[in-house]
Amino acid sequence: MRKAGYELLLCQDPANMCFHFQSGVWLDDFGAAVSKPFVVTDMGGERLCDVDRGLVVVD
């Protein structure tokens, strides 16, 4: 659902557009977040960082 008067702009050729995808869930005693910058290419997508994708636990 969009706000009244909000204009959604879509690019005809999204190649070379960069995005920072960020999502998370926070509960009373637990939280998790994922963050990933990427660029759209003609062949799909490419990550903009090369970081270990292992699970990090913070006490």
PDB file of N, CA and C in Angstrom:
ATOM      1  N   MET A   1       0.850  -1.175   0.000  1.00  0.00           N
ATOM      2  CA  MET A   1       0.000   0.000   0.000  1.00  0.00           C
ATOM      3  C   MET A   1       0.893   1.234   0.000  1.00  0.00           C
ATOM      4  N   ARG A   2       0.591   2.174  -0.875  1.00  0.00           N
ATOM      5  CA  ARG A   2       1.376   3.404  -0.968  1.00  0.00           C
ATOM      6  C   ARG A   2       0.591   4.590  -0.438  1.00  0.00           C
ATOM      7  N   LYS A   3       1.320   5.590   0.028  1.00  0.00           N
ATOM      8  CA  LYS A   3       0.694   6.832   0.471  1.00  0.00           C
ATOM      9  C   LYS A   3       0.112   7.555  -0.732  1.00  0.00           C
ATOM     10  N   ALA A   4      -0.938   8.305  -0.504  1.00  0.00           N
ATOM     11  CA  ALA A   4      -1.529   9.110  -1.574  1.00  0.00           C
ATOM     12  C   ALA A   4      -0.494  10.116  -2.061  1.00  0.00           C
ATOM     13  N   GLY A   5      -0.349  10.240  -3.367  1.00  0.00           N
ATOM     14  CA  GLY A   5       0.590  11.181  -3.949  1.00  0.00           C
ATOM     15  C   GLY A   5       2.007  10.653  -4.074  1.00  0.00           C
ATOM     16  N   TYR A   6       2.256   9.440  -3.599  1.00  0.00           N
ATOM     17  CA  TYR A   6       3.594   8.842  -3.696  1.00  0.00           C
ATOM     18  C   TYR A   6       3.789   8.265  -5.084  1.00  0.00           C
ATOM     19  N   GLU A   7       4.872   8.660  -5.738  1.00  0.00           N
ATOM     20  CA  GLU A   7       5.139   8.179  -7.085  1.00  0.00           C
ATOM     21  C   GLU A   7       6.231   7.114  -7.035  1.00  0.00           C
ATOM     22  N   LEU A   8       5.948   5.948  -7.571  1.00  0.00           N
ATOM     23  CA  LEU A   8       6.908   4.856  -7.608  1.00  0.00           C
ATOM     24  C   LEU A   8       7.646   4.897  -8.938  1.00  0.00           C
ATOM     25  N   LEU A   9       8.957   5.046  -8.877  1.00  0.00           N
ATOM     26  CA  LEU A   9       9.762   5.112 -10.093  1.00  0.00           C
ATOM     27  C   LEU A   9      10.471   3.780 -10.302  1.00  0.00           C
ATOM     28  N   LEU A  10      10.277   3.173 -11.440  1.00  0.00           N
ATOM     29  CA  LEU A  10      10.947   1.926 -11.776  1.00  0.00           C
ATOM     30  C   LEU A  10      11.855   2.159 -12.970  1.00  0.00           C
ATOM     31  N   CYS A  11      13.044   1.669 -12.882  1.00  0.00           N
ATOM     32  CA  CYS A  11      14.020   1.829 -13.955  1.00  0.00           C
ATOM     33  C   CYS A  11      13.781   0.764 -15.017  1.00  0.00           C
ATOM     34  N   GLN A  12      13.843   1.144 -16.272  1.00  0.00           N
ATOM     35  CA  GLN A  12      13.677   0.185 -17.364  1.00  0.00           C
ATOM     36  C   GLN A  12      14.861  -0.767 -17.453  1.00  0.00           C
ATOM     37  N   ASP A  13      16.055  -0.296 -17.130  1.00  0.00           N
ATOM     38  CA  ASP A  13      17.263  -1.115 -17.173  1.00  0.00           C
ATOM     39  C   ASP A  13      17.957  -1.009 -15.818  1.00  0.00           C
ATOM     40  N   PRO A  14      17.707  -1.954 -14.909  1.00  0.00           N
ATOM     41  CA  PRO A  14      18.256  -1.844 -13.555  1.00  0.00           C
ATOM     42  C   PRO A  14      19.738  -2.197 -13.439  1.00  0.00           C
ATOM     43  N   ALA A  15      20.391  -2.594 -14.551  1.00  0.00           N
ATOM     44  CA  ALA A  15      21.813  -2.943 -14.481  1.00  0.00           C
ATOM     45  C   ALA A  15      22.616  -1.783 -13.898  1.00  0.00           C
ATOM     46  N   ASN A  16      23.542  -2.099 -13.029  1.00  0.00           N
ATOM     47  CA  ASN A  16      24.435  -1.158 -12.343  1.00  0.00           C
ATOM     48  C   ASN A  16      23.774  -0.406 -11.194  1.00  0.00           C
ATOM     49  N   MET A  17      22.526  -0.725 -10.863  1.00  0.00           N
ATOM     50  CA  MET A  17      21.908  -0.119  -9.690  1.00  0.00           C
ATOM     51  C   MET A  17      22.416  -0.847  -8.450  1.00  0.00           C
ATOM     52  N   CYS A  18      22.707  -0.097  -7.379  1.00  0.00           N
ATOM     53  CA  CYS A  18      23.208  -0.680  -6.137  1.00  0.00           C
ATOM     54  C   CYS A  18      22.126  -0.619  -5.066  1.00  0.00           C
ATOM     55  N   PHE A  19      22.069  -1.658  -4.245  1.00  0.00           N
ATOM     56  CA  PHE A  19      21.093  -1.740  -3.167  1.00  0.00           C
ATOM     57  C   PHE A  19      21.776  -2.215  -1.897  1.00  0.00           C
ATOM     58  N   HIS A  20      21.192  -1.864  -0.761  1.00  0.00           N
ATOM     59  CA  HIS A  20      21.639  -2.385   0.525  1.00  0.00           C
ATOM     60  C   HIS A  20      20.428  -3.044   1.162  1.00  0.00           C
ATOM     61  N   PHE A  21      20.392  -4.367   1.095  1.00  0.00           N
ATOM     62  CA  PHE A  21      19.280  -5.135   1.658  1.00  0.00           C
ATOM     63  C   PHE A  21      19.551  -5.357   3.138  1.00  0.00           C
ATOM     64  N   GLN A  22      18.568  -5.027   3.959  1.00  0.00           N
ATOM     65  CA  GLN A  22      18.723  -5.169   5.395  1.00  0.00           C
ATOM     66  C   GLN A  22      17.415  -5.677   5.982  1.00  0.00           C
ATOM     67  N   SER A  23      17.489  -6.763   6.711  1.00  0.00           N
ATOM     68  CA  SER A  23      16.285  -7.273   7.371  1.00  0.00           C
ATOM     69  C   SER A  23      16.664  -7.810   8.740  1.00  0.00           C
ATOM     70  N   GLY A  24      15.683  -7.932   9.603  1.00  0.00           N
ATOM     71  CA  GLY A  24      15.953  -8.450  10.938  1.00  0.00           C
ATOM     72  C   GLY A  24      14.677  -8.784  11.667  1.00  0.00           C
ATOM     73  N   VAL A  25      14.836  -9.511  12.737  1.00  0.00           N
ATOM     74  CA  VAL A  25      13.714  -9.844  13.618  1.00  0.00           C
ATOM     75  C   VAL A  25      14.221  -9.699  15.051  1.00  0.00           C
ATOM     76  N   TRP A  26      13.432  -9.028  15.875  1.00  0.00           N
ATOM     77  CA  TRP A  26      13.815  -8.819  17.262  1.00  0.00           C
ATOM     78  C   TRP A  26      12.676  -9.272  18.159  1.00  0.00           C
ATOM     79  N   LEU A  27      12.972 -10.241  19.010  1.00  0.00           N
ATOM     80  CA  LEU A  27      12.010 -10.756  19.970  1.00  0.00           C
ATOM     81  C   LEU A  27      12.447 -10.319  21.364  1.00  0.00           C
ATOM     82  N   ASP A  28      11.727 -10.753  22.404  1.00  0.00           N
ATOM     83  CA  ASP A  28      12.060 -10.328  23.765  1.00  0.00           C
ATOM     84  C   ASP A  28      13.479 -10.704  24.177  1.00  0.00           C
ATOM     85  N   ASP A  29      13.910 -11.907  23.829  1.00  0.00           N
ATOM     86  CA  ASP A  29      15.222 -12.369  24.271  1.00  0.00           C
ATOM     87  C   ASP A  29      16.125 -12.842  23.132  1.00  0.00           C
ATOM     88  N   PHE A  30      15.791 -12.486  21.906  1.00  0.00           N
ATOM     89  CA  PHE A  30      16.553 -12.961  20.764  1.00  0.00           C
ATOM     90  C   PHE A  30      16.409 -11.977  19.613  1.00  0.00           C
ATOM     91  N   GLY A  31      17.466 -11.798  18.862  1.00  0.00           N
ATOM     92  CA  GLY A  31      17.401 -10.944  17.686  1.00  0.00           C
ATOM     93  C   GLY A  31      18.347 -11.447  16.617  1.00  0.00           C
ATOM     94  N   ALA A  32      17.998 -11.200  15.380  1.00  0.00           N
ATOM     95  CA  ALA A  32      18.850 -11.596  14.262  1.00  0.00           C
ATOM     96  C   ALA A  32      18.715 -10.555  13.161  1.00  0.00           C
ATOM     97  N   ALA A  33      19.822 -10.272  12.491  1.00  0.00           N
ATOM     98  CA  ALA A  33      19.802  -9.296  11.405  1.00  0.00           C
ATOM     99  C   ALA A  33      20.684  -9.776  10.261  1.00  0.00           C
ATOM    100  N   VAL A  34      20.298  -9.401   9.061  1.00  0.00           N
ATOM    101  CA  VAL A  34      21.052  -9.719   7.851  1.00  0.00           C
ATOM    102  C   VAL A  34      21.221  -8.420   7.075  1.00  0.00           C
ATOM    103  N   SER A  35      22.427  -8.160   6.614  1.00  0.00           N
ATOM    104  CA  SER A  35      22.703  -6.948   5.857  1.00  0.00           C
ATOM    105  C   SER A  35      23.606  -7.315   4.689  1.00  0.00           C
ATOM    106  N   LYS A  36      23.230  -6.900   3.485  1.00  0.00           N
ATOM    107  CA  LYS A  36      24.016  -7.284   2.310  1.00  0.00           C
ATOM    108  C   LYS A  36      23.917  -6.216   1.231  1.00  0.00           C
ATOM    109  N   PRO A  37      25.024  -5.523   0.901  1.00  0.00           N
ATOM    110  CA  PRO A  37      25.011  -4.620  -0.245  1.00  0.00           C
ATOM    111  C   PRO A  37      25.270  -5.413  -1.527  1.00  0.00           C
ATOM    112  N   PHE A  38      24.578  -5.066  -2.597  1.00  0.00           N
ATOM    113  CA  PHE A  38      24.781  -5.765  -3.865  1.00  0.00           C
ATOM    114  C   PHE A  38      24.478  -4.836  -5.028  1.00  0.00           C
ATOM    115  N   VAL A  39      24.980  -5.206  -6.200  1.00  0.00           N
ATOM    116  CA  VAL A  39      24.745  -4.447  -7.423  1.00  0.00           C
ATOM    117  C   VAL A  39      24.049  -5.368  -8.419  1.00  0.00           C
ATOM    118  N   VAL A  40      23.086  -4.822  -9.145  1.00  0.00           N
ATOM    119  CA  VAL A  40      22.391  -5.576 -10.187  1.00  0.00           C
ATOM    120  C   VAL A  40      23.255  -5.544 -11.440  1.00  0.00           C
ATOM    121  N   THR A  41      23.460  -6.708 -12.046  1.00  0.00           N
ATOM    122  CA  THR A  41      24.252  -6.792 -13.274  1.00  0.00           C
ATOM    123  C   THR A  41      23.395  -7.377 -14.390  1.00  0.00           C
ATOM    124  N   ASP A  42      23.930  -7.377 -15.589  1.00  0.00           N
ATOM    125  CA  ASP A  42      23.214  -7.989 -16.714  1.00  0.00           C
ATOM    126  C   ASP A  42      23.022  -9.488 -16.505  1.00  0.00           C
ATOM    127  N   MET A  43      23.893 -10.095 -15.713  1.00  0.00           N
ATOM    128  CA  MET A  43      23.844 -11.539 -15.484  1.00  0.00           C
ATOM    129  C   MET A  43      23.124 -11.907 -14.189  1.00  0.00           C
ATOM    130  N   GLY A  44      22.610 -10.936 -13.443  1.00  0.00           N
ATOM    131  CA  GLY A  44      21.933 -11.211 -12.176  1.00  0.00           C
ATOM    132  C   GLY A  44      22.338 -10.210 -11.125  1.00  0.00           C
ATOM    133  N   GLY A  45      23.114 -10.664 -10.141  1.00  0.00           N
ATOM    134  CA  GLY A  45      23.552  -9.781  -9.074  1.00  0.00           C
ATOM    135  C   GLY A  45      24.958 -10.116  -8.623  1.00  0.00           C
ATOM    136  N   GLU A  46      25.603  -9.146  -7.977  1.00  0.00           N
ATOM    137  CA  GLU A  46      26.967  -9.339  -7.493  1.00  0.00           C
ATOM    138  C   GLU A  46      27.085  -8.716  -6.113  1.00  0.00           C
ATOM    139  N   ARG A  47      27.614  -9.478  -5.153  1.00  0.00           N
ATOM    140  CA  ARG A  47      27.829  -8.949  -3.807  1.00  0.00           C
ATOM    141  C   ARG A  47      28.926  -7.891  -3.836  1.00  0.00           C
ATOM    142  N   LEU A  48      28.779  -6.858  -3.023  1.00  0.00           N
ATOM    143  CA  LEU A  48      29.770  -5.787  -2.972  1.00  0.00           C
ATOM    144  C   LEU A  48      30.755  -5.956  -1.825  1.00  0.00           C
ATOM    145  N   CYS A  49      30.654  -7.042  -1.089  1.00  0.00           N
ATOM    146  CA  CYS A  49      31.613  -7.307  -0.023  1.00  0.00           C
ATOM    147  C   CYS A  49      31.916  -8.800   0.010  1.00  0.00           C
ATOM    148  N   ASP A  50      33.068  -9.125   0.543  1.00  0.00           N
ATOM    149  CA  ASP A  50      33.485 -10.514   0.629  1.00  0.00           C
ATOM    150  C   ASP A  50      33.783 -10.821   2.091  1.00  0.00           C
ATOM    151  N   VAL A  51      32.734 -10.996   2.862  1.00  0.00           N
ATOM    152  CA  VAL A  51      32.847 -11.221   4.297  1.00  0.00           C
ATOM    153  C   VAL A  51      32.343 -12.624   4.603  1.00  0.00           C
ATOM    154  N   ASP A  52      32.982 -13.283   5.557  1.00  0.00           N
ATOM    155  CA  ASP A  52      32.550 -14.607   5.972  1.00  0.00           C
ATOM    156  C   ASP A  52      31.071 -14.577   6.351  1.00  0.00           C
ATOM    157  N   ARG A  53      30.304 -15.522   5.860  1.00  0.00           N
ATOM    158  CA  ARG A  53      28.867 -15.553   6.129  1.00  0.00           C
ATOM    159  C   ARG A  53      28.523 -16.411   7.341  1.00  0.00           C
ATOM    160  N   GLY A  54      29.481 -16.652   8.207  1.00  0.00           N
ATOM    161  CA  GLY A  54      29.241 -17.464   9.396  1.00  0.00           C
ATOM    162  C   GLY A  54      28.317 -16.767  10.387  1.00  0.00           C
ATOM    163  N   LEU A  55      27.781 -17.535  11.294  1.00  0.00           N
ATOM    164  CA  LEU A  55      26.890 -17.022  12.332  1.00  0.00           C
ATOM    165  C   LEU A  55      27.719 -16.374  13.433  1.00  0.00           C
ATOM    166  N   VAL A  56      27.340 -15.170  13.844  1.00  0.00           N
ATOM    167  CA  VAL A  56      28.018 -14.471  14.928  1.00  0.00           C
ATOM    168  C   VAL A  56      27.061 -14.399  16.106  1.00  0.00           C
ATOM    169  N   VAL A  57      27.488 -14.912  17.251  1.00  0.00           N
ATOM    170  CA  VAL A  57      26.665 -14.894  18.458  1.00  0.00           C
ATOM    171  C   VAL A  57      27.265 -13.887  19.424  1.00  0.00           C
ATOM    172  N   VAL A  58      26.454 -12.943  19.900  1.00  0.00           N
ATOM    173  CA  VAL A  58      26.898 -11.932  20.851  1.00  0.00           C
ATOM    174  C   VAL A  58      26.148 -12.152  22.150  1.00  0.00           C
ATOM    175  N   ASP A  59      26.887 -12.390  23.240  1.00  0.00           N
ATOM    176  CA  ASP A  59      26.247 -12.581  24.558  1.00  0.00           C
ATOM    177  C   ASP A  59      26.127 -11.266  25.277  1.00  0.00           C
TER     178      ASP A  59
END
